[in-house]
N, C-alpha and C. Protein backbone atom coordinates (compact mmCIF):
# COMPACT_ATOMS: atom_id res chain seq x y z
N MET A 1 0.72 -1.02 0.16
CA MET A 1 -0.16 0.44 0.05
C MET A 1 0.75 1.47 -0.25
N HIS A 2 0.42 2.28 -0.64
CA HIS A 2 1.41 3.24 -0.64
C HIS A 2 1.16 4.17 0.70
N ASN A 3 2.08 4.85 0.66
CA ASN A 3 1.67 6.08 2.01
C ASN A 3 1.19 7.40 1.77
N VAL A 4 0.52 8.28 1.71
CA VAL A 4 0.46 9.56 1.05
C VAL A 4 1.30 10.62 0.79
N ILE A 5 2.34 10.53 0.93
CA ILE A 5 4.00 11.19 0.17
C ILE A 5 3.86 10.62 -1.24
N ASP A 6 4.04 8.87 -1.14
CA ASP A 6 4.43 8.02 -1.99
C ASP A 6 2.97 8.78 -3.02
N VAL A 7 2.19 8.56 -3.26
CA VAL A 7 1.22 8.86 -4.21
C VAL A 7 1.59 10.51 -4.25
N PHE A 8 1.96 10.81 -3.74
CA PHE A 8 2.12 12.69 -4.02
C PHE A 8 3.46 13.01 -4.58
N SER A 9 4.56 12.05 -5.15
CA SER A 9 5.53 12.29 -5.23
C SER A 9 5.84 12.14 -6.77
N GLU A 10 6.62 12.50 -7.28
CA GLU A 10 7.97 12.69 -8.56
C GLU A 10 7.09 11.41 -9.28
N SER A 11 7.05 10.27 -8.62
CA SER A 11 7.16 9.10 -9.24
C SER A 11 5.84 7.95 -9.12
N GLY A 12 5.09 8.57 -8.26
CA GLY A 12 3.64 8.67 -7.69
C GLY A 12 2.70 8.15 -8.99
N PRO A 13 1.92 7.41 -8.40
CA PRO A 13 0.59 7.19 -9.17
C PRO A 13 0.33 8.31 -10.25
N LEU A 14 -0.54 8.84 -9.28
CA LEU A 14 -0.51 10.62 -9.40
C LEU A 14 0.18 11.47 -11.43
N ALA A 15 1.01 11.07 -10.59
CA ALA A 15 2.29 11.84 -11.84
C ALA A 15 2.03 11.03 -12.81
N LYS A 16 1.85 9.25 -12.91
CA LYS A 16 2.23 8.61 -13.80
C LYS A 16 0.88 8.22 -14.72
N SER A 17 -0.42 9.29 -14.28
CA SER A 17 -1.19 8.91 -14.68
C SER A 17 -1.87 10.43 -15.05
N MET A 18 -1.21 11.42 -14.80
CA MET A 18 -1.75 12.67 -15.10
C MET A 18 -0.51 13.33 -15.72
N ASP A 19 -0.94 13.58 -17.48
CA ASP A 19 0.38 14.85 -17.91
C ASP A 19 1.05 16.09 -17.17
N ASP A 20 -0.10 17.06 -16.55
CA ASP A 20 0.22 17.96 -15.85
C ASP A 20 0.52 18.10 -14.58
N TYR A 21 0.92 16.77 -14.33
CA TYR A 21 1.02 16.62 -12.67
C TYR A 21 2.03 17.45 -11.93
N THR A 22 1.95 18.06 -10.76
CA THR A 22 3.20 19.00 -10.13
C THR A 22 2.70 18.85 -8.85
N VAL A 23 4.38 18.37 -8.38
CA VAL A 23 3.98 18.59 -6.92
C VAL A 23 3.74 19.24 -6.54
N ARG A 24 3.32 19.26 -5.15
CA ARG A 24 3.34 20.46 -4.15
C ARG A 24 3.23 20.11 -2.80
N VAL A 25 4.30 20.82 -1.94
CA VAL A 25 4.44 20.53 -0.83
C VAL A 25 3.73 20.89 0.15
N GLU A 26 2.83 21.61 -0.31
CA GLU A 26 1.56 22.18 1.03
C GLU A 26 0.32 21.08 1.02
N GLN A 27 0.22 20.30 -0.44
CA GLN A 27 -0.54 19.53 -0.26
C GLN A 27 -0.30 18.10 0.03
N GLN A 28 1.18 17.89 -0.34
CA GLN A 28 1.83 16.38 0.68
C GLN A 28 1.58 16.74 2.36
N GLU A 29 2.16 18.07 2.62
CA GLU A 29 2.17 18.10 4.36
C GLU A 29 0.50 18.18 4.36
N LEU A 30 -0.45 18.84 3.77
CA LEU A 30 -1.76 18.75 3.87
C LEU A 30 -2.76 17.35 4.24
N SER A 31 -2.21 16.52 3.00
CA SER A 31 -2.62 15.33 3.38
C SER A 31 -1.98 14.15 4.47
N VAL A 32 -0.29 14.53 4.70
CA VAL A 32 -0.03 13.57 6.07
C VAL A 32 -0.81 14.32 6.88
N LEU A 33 -1.19 15.51 7.18
CA LEU A 33 -2.05 15.91 8.04
C LEU A 33 -3.46 15.09 8.57
N ILE A 34 -3.75 14.82 7.65
CA ILE A 34 -4.94 14.48 7.39
C ILE A 34 -4.95 12.67 7.44
N ALA A 35 -4.08 12.26 6.89
CA ALA A 35 -3.57 10.93 7.01
C ALA A 35 -3.62 10.55 8.42
N ALA A 36 -2.48 11.58 9.70
CA ALA A 36 -2.80 11.61 10.75
C ALA A 36 -4.36 11.35 11.71
N ALA A 37 -4.93 12.28 11.11
CA ALA A 37 -6.10 12.33 11.88
C ALA A 37 -7.01 11.46 11.83
N ILE A 38 -7.27 10.70 10.58
CA ILE A 38 -7.76 9.91 10.41
C ILE A 38 -6.91 8.57 10.90
N ASP A 39 -5.94 7.77 11.35
CA ASP A 39 -5.38 7.04 11.45
C ASP A 39 -5.97 7.01 13.77
N ASN A 40 -5.60 8.31 13.91
CA ASN A 40 -5.53 8.57 15.35
C ASN A 40 -7.67 9.09 15.45
N HIS A 41 -8.31 8.79 14.82
CA HIS A 41 -9.41 8.78 14.80
C HIS A 41 -9.95 10.79 15.13
N GLU A 42 -9.22 11.11 15.15
CA GLU A 42 -9.04 12.82 15.29
C GLU A 42 -10.06 13.53 14.24
N SER A 43 -10.48 14.49 14.59
CA SER A 43 -11.24 16.24 13.96
C SER A 43 -9.92 16.59 13.50
N LEU A 44 -9.92 16.94 12.41
CA LEU A 44 -8.88 17.87 12.10
C LEU A 44 -10.16 19.21 11.34
N VAL A 45 -9.79 20.48 11.65
CA VAL A 45 -10.01 21.46 10.60
C VAL A 45 -8.71 22.01 9.75
N CYS A 46 -8.58 22.42 8.16
CA CYS A 46 -7.84 23.30 7.87
C CYS A 46 -8.33 23.50 6.82
N GLU A 47 -7.37 24.79 6.49
CA GLU A 47 -7.64 26.01 5.51
C GLU A 47 -6.49 25.87 4.92
N ALA A 48 -6.46 26.00 3.66
CA ALA A 48 -5.63 26.06 2.45
C ALA A 48 -5.84 27.17 1.58
N GLY A 49 -5.06 27.27 1.23
CA GLY A 49 -5.27 28.74 -0.34
C GLY A 49 -5.68 28.17 -1.72
N THR A 50 -6.16 28.57 -2.53
CA THR A 50 -6.27 28.21 -3.89
C THR A 50 -4.72 27.79 -4.83
N GLY A 51 -5.19 26.35 -5.34
CA GLY A 51 -3.67 25.56 -6.22
C GLY A 51 -2.97 25.16 -5.20
N THR A 52 -3.67 24.55 -3.84
CA THR A 52 -2.82 23.80 -3.11
C THR A 52 -3.30 22.78 -3.21
N GLY A 53 -4.41 21.82 -3.75
CA GLY A 53 -4.67 20.62 -4.26
C GLY A 53 -5.01 19.69 -3.33
N LYS A 54 -6.19 20.79 -2.23
CA LYS A 54 -6.72 20.01 -1.62
C LYS A 54 -8.00 19.25 -1.40
N THR A 55 -8.46 19.01 -2.59
CA THR A 55 -9.13 17.62 -2.96
C THR A 55 -8.53 16.23 -3.04
N PHE A 56 -7.67 16.00 -4.08
CA PHE A 56 -6.72 15.43 -3.62
C PHE A 56 -6.14 14.99 -2.49
N ALA A 57 -5.81 16.23 -1.65
CA ALA A 57 -4.94 15.62 -0.33
C ALA A 57 -5.46 15.03 0.86
N TYR A 58 -7.73 15.24 0.72
CA TYR A 58 -8.58 14.92 1.26
C TYR A 58 -8.50 13.54 0.54
N LEU A 59 -8.99 13.82 -0.43
CA LEU A 59 -9.11 12.40 -0.85
C LEU A 59 -8.14 10.52 -1.06
N VAL A 60 -7.31 11.16 -1.02
CA VAL A 60 -5.94 10.11 -0.79
C VAL A 60 -5.99 9.37 0.57
N PRO A 61 -5.71 10.25 1.73
CA PRO A 61 -5.99 9.51 3.09
C PRO A 61 -7.22 8.98 3.14
N ALA A 62 -8.30 9.69 2.52
CA ALA A 62 -9.81 8.38 2.60
C ALA A 62 -9.43 7.05 2.33
N ILE A 63 -9.24 7.37 0.66
CA ILE A 63 -9.10 6.18 0.08
C ILE A 63 -8.47 4.91 0.59
N LEU A 64 -6.74 5.78 0.97
CA LEU A 64 -5.67 4.54 1.56
C LEU A 64 -6.64 4.36 3.29
N SER A 65 -7.07 4.84 3.45
CA SER A 65 -7.31 3.99 5.03
C SER A 65 -8.47 3.24 4.86
């Protein structure tokens, strides 16, 4: 199973399937926080600016969980 950092890496499944994929450090960081909250059964409130990649940052840890 992939961890969230692997999924968002330059050689991960998103990069392999999307021609215009760009690694976004903020997206990786947000996804790690979300994954930790899921793993620890905690609530998390996040705010991130436009272009951070919030949709995938939320979905990837949810799918991997």
